[in-house]
Amino acid sequence: MARRYLHSSTCQIIGRTRGQGMTEYIIIVALIAVAAIGVYSLLGKTVRGQVAGIANEITGQSSSEQLNSARSAARRANTLGRQDVSLGNYDEVTESGN
């Protein structure tokens, strides 16, 4: 009888530990996703411009327009990075609402 109870409580503890690990994993993934969204909203135009420039260069076309666009987006991101942003003015400062 005692052995059966011991086995049952051990299984419950292992199950709880697995549930706790999964919860921690979900929280970490959610934090990474929020950080990635923030970085992409700040640097998205720069990355898209650079990738477009690389694609044009691979096909033998001039990429100066795309690279200039990426440079101006990088300058804009640098300017935005220096501003104080809160949840109240995030859309206006980052132009995310457009």
N, C-alpha and C. Protein backbone atom coordinates (compact mmCIF):
# COMPACT_ATOMS: atom_id res chain seq x y z
N MET A 1 0.82 -1.19 0.00
CA MET A 1 0.00 0.00 0.00
C MET A 1 0.87 1.26 0.00
N ALA A 2 1.87 1.29 0.86
CA ALA A 2 2.75 2.45 0.94
C ALA A 2 3.53 2.61 -0.36
N ARG A 3 3.92 1.50 -0.96
CA ARG A 3 4.68 1.55 -2.20
C ARG A 3 3.82 2.15 -3.32
N ARG A 4 2.55 1.78 -3.40
CA ARG A 4 1.65 2.31 -4.42
C ARG A 4 1.46 3.82 -4.23
N TYR A 5 1.30 4.26 -3.00
CA TYR A 5 1.14 5.69 -2.72
C TYR A 5 2.41 6.46 -3.09
N LEU A 6 3.57 5.90 -2.77
CA LEU A 6 4.84 6.54 -3.09
C LEU A 6 4.99 6.69 -4.60
N HIS A 7 4.65 5.64 -5.35
CA HIS A 7 4.74 5.69 -6.81
C HIS A 7 3.79 6.74 -7.38
N SER A 8 2.58 6.82 -6.84
CA SER A 8 1.59 7.78 -7.31
C SER A 8 2.04 9.21 -7.06
N SER A 9 2.57 9.49 -5.88
CA SER A 9 3.00 10.86 -5.58
C SER A 9 4.24 11.23 -6.38
N THR A 10 5.12 10.28 -6.66
CA THR A 10 6.30 10.55 -7.49
C THR A 10 5.88 10.91 -8.90
N CYS A 11 4.91 10.22 -9.46
CA CYS A 11 4.42 10.55 -10.80
C CYS A 11 3.80 11.94 -10.84
N GLN A 12 3.09 12.32 -9.78
CA GLN A 12 2.50 13.65 -9.73
C GLN A 12 3.57 14.73 -9.70
N ILE A 13 4.62 14.51 -8.96
CA ILE A 13 5.71 15.50 -8.88
C ILE A 13 6.39 15.64 -10.23
N ILE A 14 6.65 14.54 -10.90
CA ILE A 14 7.29 14.59 -12.21
C ILE A 14 6.39 15.31 -13.20
N GLY A 15 5.09 15.05 -13.15
CA GLY A 15 4.15 15.73 -14.04
C GLY A 15 4.12 17.23 -13.80
N ARG A 16 4.16 17.63 -12.54
CA ARG A 16 4.17 19.07 -12.22
C ARG A 16 5.46 19.73 -12.70
N THR A 17 6.57 19.03 -12.56
CA THR A 17 7.85 19.58 -13.01
C THR A 17 7.84 19.78 -14.52
N ARG A 18 7.31 18.83 -15.24
CA ARG A 18 7.22 18.98 -16.70
C ARG A 18 6.31 20.15 -17.07
N GLY A 19 5.22 20.31 -16.36
CA GLY A 19 4.32 21.44 -16.62
C GLY A 19 4.98 22.77 -16.33
N GLN A 20 5.77 22.83 -15.28
CA GLN A 20 6.48 24.06 -14.95
C GLN A 20 7.51 24.37 -16.03
N GLY A 21 8.22 23.37 -16.51
CA GLY A 21 9.21 23.58 -17.57
C GLY A 21 8.57 24.09 -18.84
N MET A 22 7.42 23.56 -19.19
CA MET A 22 6.72 24.00 -20.39
C MET A 22 6.25 25.44 -20.24
N THR A 23 5.76 25.80 -19.06
CA THR A 23 5.32 27.17 -18.81
C THR A 23 6.49 28.15 -18.93
N GLU A 24 7.63 27.79 -18.36
CA GLU A 24 8.81 28.65 -18.47
C GLU A 24 9.24 28.80 -19.93
N TYR A 25 9.19 27.72 -20.67
CA TYR A 25 9.56 27.75 -22.09
C TYR A 25 8.63 28.69 -22.86
N ILE A 26 7.33 28.62 -22.60
CA ILE A 26 6.36 29.48 -23.29
C ILE A 26 6.62 30.95 -22.96
N ILE A 27 6.94 31.24 -21.71
CA ILE A 27 7.22 32.63 -21.33
C ILE A 27 8.47 33.14 -22.04
N ILE A 28 9.51 32.33 -22.13
CA ILE A 28 10.74 32.74 -22.81
C ILE A 28 10.48 32.97 -24.29
N VAL A 29 9.74 32.08 -24.93
CA VAL A 29 9.42 32.25 -26.35
C VAL A 29 8.61 33.52 -26.57
N ALA A 30 7.67 33.81 -25.68
CA ALA A 30 6.87 35.03 -25.81
C ALA A 30 7.74 36.28 -25.67
N LEU A 31 8.67 36.28 -24.75
CA LEU A 31 9.57 37.44 -24.58
C LEU A 31 10.46 37.63 -25.81
N ILE A 32 10.94 36.54 -26.38
CA ILE A 32 11.75 36.64 -27.60
C ILE A 32 10.92 37.18 -28.74
N ALA A 33 9.67 36.74 -28.85
CA ALA A 33 8.79 37.23 -29.92
C ALA A 33 8.53 38.73 -29.78
N VAL A 34 8.29 39.20 -28.57
CA VAL A 34 8.05 40.63 -28.35
C VAL A 34 9.29 41.43 -28.71
N ALA A 35 10.46 40.94 -28.32
CA ALA A 35 11.71 41.63 -28.66
C ALA A 35 11.93 41.66 -30.17
N ALA A 36 11.64 40.55 -30.84
CA ALA A 36 11.82 40.49 -32.29
C ALA A 36 10.88 41.46 -33.00
N ILE A 37 9.66 41.58 -32.53
CA ILE A 37 8.71 42.52 -33.13
C ILE A 37 9.21 43.95 -32.96
N GLY A 38 9.73 44.26 -31.79
CA GLY A 38 10.27 45.60 -31.55
C GLY A 38 11.45 45.92 -32.45
N VAL A 39 12.37 44.98 -32.59
CA VAL A 39 13.53 45.20 -33.46
C VAL A 39 13.10 45.31 -34.91
N TYR A 40 12.18 44.46 -35.33
CA TYR A 40 11.73 44.50 -36.72
C TYR A 40 11.00 45.81 -37.03
N SER A 41 10.23 46.32 -36.08
CA SER A 41 9.53 47.59 -36.34
C SER A 41 10.52 48.74 -36.46
N LEU A 42 11.66 48.63 -35.80
CA LEU A 42 12.66 49.68 -35.88
C LEU A 42 13.57 49.53 -37.09
N LEU A 43 13.95 48.30 -37.43
CA LEU A 43 14.94 48.07 -38.49
C LEU A 43 14.36 47.39 -39.73
N GLY A 44 13.07 47.21 -39.82
CA GLY A 44 12.46 46.46 -40.92
C GLY A 44 12.75 47.05 -42.29
N LYS A 45 12.63 48.36 -42.44
CA LYS A 45 12.87 48.99 -43.74
C LYS A 45 14.32 48.85 -44.15
N THR A 46 15.23 48.95 -43.21
CA THR A 46 16.65 48.81 -43.51
C THR A 46 16.95 47.41 -44.02
N VAL A 47 16.44 46.41 -43.35
CA VAL A 47 16.69 45.02 -43.75
C VAL A 47 16.08 44.74 -45.11
N ARG A 48 14.86 45.19 -45.34
CA ARG A 48 14.22 44.96 -46.64
C ARG A 48 15.00 45.64 -47.77
N GLY A 49 15.49 46.87 -47.52
CA GLY A 49 16.26 47.57 -48.54
C GLY A 49 17.57 46.86 -48.85
N GLN A 50 18.24 46.35 -47.83
CA GLN A 50 19.49 45.65 -48.05
C GLN A 50 19.27 44.34 -48.80
N VAL A 51 18.23 43.61 -48.44
CA VAL A 51 17.94 42.35 -49.13
C VAL A 51 17.57 42.62 -50.59
N ALA A 52 16.81 43.68 -50.85
CA ALA A 52 16.47 44.03 -52.23
C ALA A 52 17.73 44.40 -53.01
N GLY A 53 18.66 45.12 -52.38
CA GLY A 53 19.91 45.46 -53.04
C GLY A 53 20.74 44.24 -53.36
N ILE A 54 20.80 43.30 -52.45
CA ILE A 54 21.54 42.05 -52.69
C ILE A 54 20.90 41.27 -53.83
N ALA A 55 19.57 41.20 -53.85
CA ALA A 55 18.88 40.48 -54.92
C ALA A 55 19.16 41.12 -56.28
N ASN A 56 19.17 42.44 -56.34
CA ASN A 56 19.48 43.11 -57.61
C ASN A 56 20.91 42.86 -58.04
N GLU A 57 21.85 42.90 -57.11
CA GLU A 57 23.25 42.65 -57.46
C GLU A 57 23.46 41.23 -57.96
N ILE A 58 22.77 40.28 -57.37
CA ILE A 58 22.90 38.88 -57.81
C ILE A 58 22.41 38.73 -59.24
N THR A 59 21.36 39.45 -59.61
CA THR A 59 20.81 39.35 -60.97
C THR A 59 21.53 40.26 -61.95
N GLY A 60 22.54 41.00 -61.49
CA GLY A 60 23.33 41.83 -62.38
C GLY A 60 22.79 43.22 -62.59
N GLN A 61 21.81 43.63 -61.82
CA GLN A 61 21.22 44.96 -61.94
C GLN A 61 21.85 45.90 -60.91
N SER A 62 21.68 47.19 -61.14
CA SER A 62 22.19 48.17 -60.20
C SER A 62 21.33 48.18 -58.94
N SER A 63 21.99 48.26 -57.82
CA SER A 63 21.25 48.25 -56.55
C SER A 63 21.40 49.56 -55.80
N SER A 64 21.85 50.61 -56.48
CA SER A 64 22.10 51.87 -55.78
C SER A 64 20.83 52.45 -55.16
N GLU A 65 19.69 52.32 -55.84
CA GLU A 65 18.44 52.86 -55.29
C GLU A 65 18.05 52.14 -54.00
N GLN A 66 18.14 50.82 -54.00
CA GLN A 66 17.78 50.05 -52.81
C GLN A 66 18.75 50.32 -51.66
N LEU A 67 20.04 50.43 -51.99
CA LEU A 67 21.02 50.69 -50.94
C LEU A 67 20.85 52.09 -50.36
N ASN A 68 20.52 53.07 -51.20
CA ASN A 68 20.24 54.42 -50.68
C ASN A 68 19.01 54.41 -49.79
N SER A 69 18.00 53.63 -50.18
CA SER A 69 16.80 53.50 -49.36
C SER A 69 17.15 52.86 -48.02
N ALA A 70 18.00 51.84 -48.04
CA ALA A 70 18.41 51.18 -46.80
C ALA A 70 19.20 52.15 -45.91
N ARG A 71 20.06 52.97 -46.52
CA ARG A 71 20.83 53.94 -45.74
C ARG A 71 19.91 54.96 -45.06
N SER A 72 18.94 55.47 -45.82
CA SER A 72 18.04 56.47 -45.23
C SER A 72 17.18 55.84 -44.13
N ALA A 73 16.77 54.58 -44.33
CA ALA A 73 16.00 53.89 -43.28
C ALA A 73 16.87 53.66 -42.04
N ALA A 74 18.15 53.36 -42.25
CA ALA A 74 19.05 53.17 -41.11
C ALA A 74 19.25 54.48 -40.35
N ARG A 75 19.36 55.58 -41.08
CA ARG A 75 19.49 56.88 -40.41
C ARG A 75 18.23 57.20 -39.61
N ARG A 76 17.08 56.90 -40.21
CA ARG A 76 15.80 57.14 -39.51
C ARG A 76 15.71 56.27 -38.25
N ALA A 77 16.14 55.01 -38.35
CA ALA A 77 16.12 54.12 -37.19
C ALA A 77 17.07 54.63 -36.11
N ASN A 78 18.20 55.18 -36.51
CA ASN A 78 19.15 55.74 -35.55
C ASN A 78 18.52 56.94 -34.83
N THR A 79 17.82 57.78 -35.57
CA THR A 79 17.14 58.93 -34.97
C THR A 79 16.05 58.46 -34.00
N LEU A 80 15.27 57.46 -34.42
CA LEU A 80 14.20 56.95 -33.55
C LEU A 80 14.78 56.29 -32.30
N GLY A 81 15.93 55.66 -32.45
CA GLY A 81 16.55 54.99 -31.31
C GLY A 81 16.99 55.95 -30.22
N ARG A 82 17.21 57.19 -30.58
CA ARG A 82 17.65 58.19 -29.60
C ARG A 82 16.48 58.89 -28.91
N GLN A 83 15.26 58.70 -29.40
CA GLN A 83 14.09 59.37 -28.82
C GLN A 83 13.54 58.57 -27.65
N ASP A 84 12.92 59.28 -26.73
CA ASP A 84 12.23 58.63 -25.62
C ASP A 84 10.86 58.18 -26.12
N VAL A 85 10.60 56.89 -26.00
CA VAL A 85 9.34 56.32 -26.49
C VAL A 85 8.66 55.62 -25.32
N SER A 86 7.36 55.87 -25.19
CA SER A 86 6.56 55.17 -24.19
C SER A 86 5.40 54.50 -24.90
N LEU A 87 4.61 53.77 -24.17
CA LEU A 87 3.46 53.12 -24.79
C LEU A 87 2.45 54.15 -25.28
N GLY A 88 2.42 55.31 -24.69
CA GLY A 88 1.48 56.35 -25.09
C GLY A 88 1.80 56.98 -26.43
N ASN A 89 3.08 57.09 -26.79
CA ASN A 89 3.44 57.75 -28.05
C ASN A 89 4.19 56.84 -29.02
N TYR A 90 4.15 55.55 -28.81
CA TYR A 90 4.91 54.61 -29.64
C TYR A 90 4.52 54.71 -31.12
N ASP A 91 3.22 54.71 -31.41
CA ASP A 91 2.77 54.75 -32.81
C ASP A 91 3.20 56.04 -33.51
N GLU A 92 3.12 57.17 -32.82
CA GLU A 92 3.50 58.43 -33.47
C GLU A 92 5.00 58.50 -33.72
N VAL A 93 5.79 58.07 -32.76
CA VAL A 93 7.24 58.18 -32.89
C VAL A 93 7.77 57.21 -33.93
N THR A 94 7.30 55.97 -33.91
CA THR A 94 7.83 54.96 -34.83
C THR A 94 7.05 54.87 -36.13
N GLU A 95 5.99 55.64 -36.26
CA GLU A 95 5.13 55.62 -37.45
C GLU A 95 4.58 54.23 -37.71
N SER A 96 4.31 53.48 -36.63
CA SER A 96 3.78 52.13 -36.76
C SER A 96 2.30 52.12 -37.08
N GLY A 97 1.60 53.18 -36.75
CA GLY A 97 0.16 53.22 -36.98
C GLY A 97 -0.20 53.45 -38.43
N ASN A 98 0.77 53.78 -39.29
CA ASN A 98 0.48 54.07 -40.70
C ASN A 98 0.50 52.82 -41.53
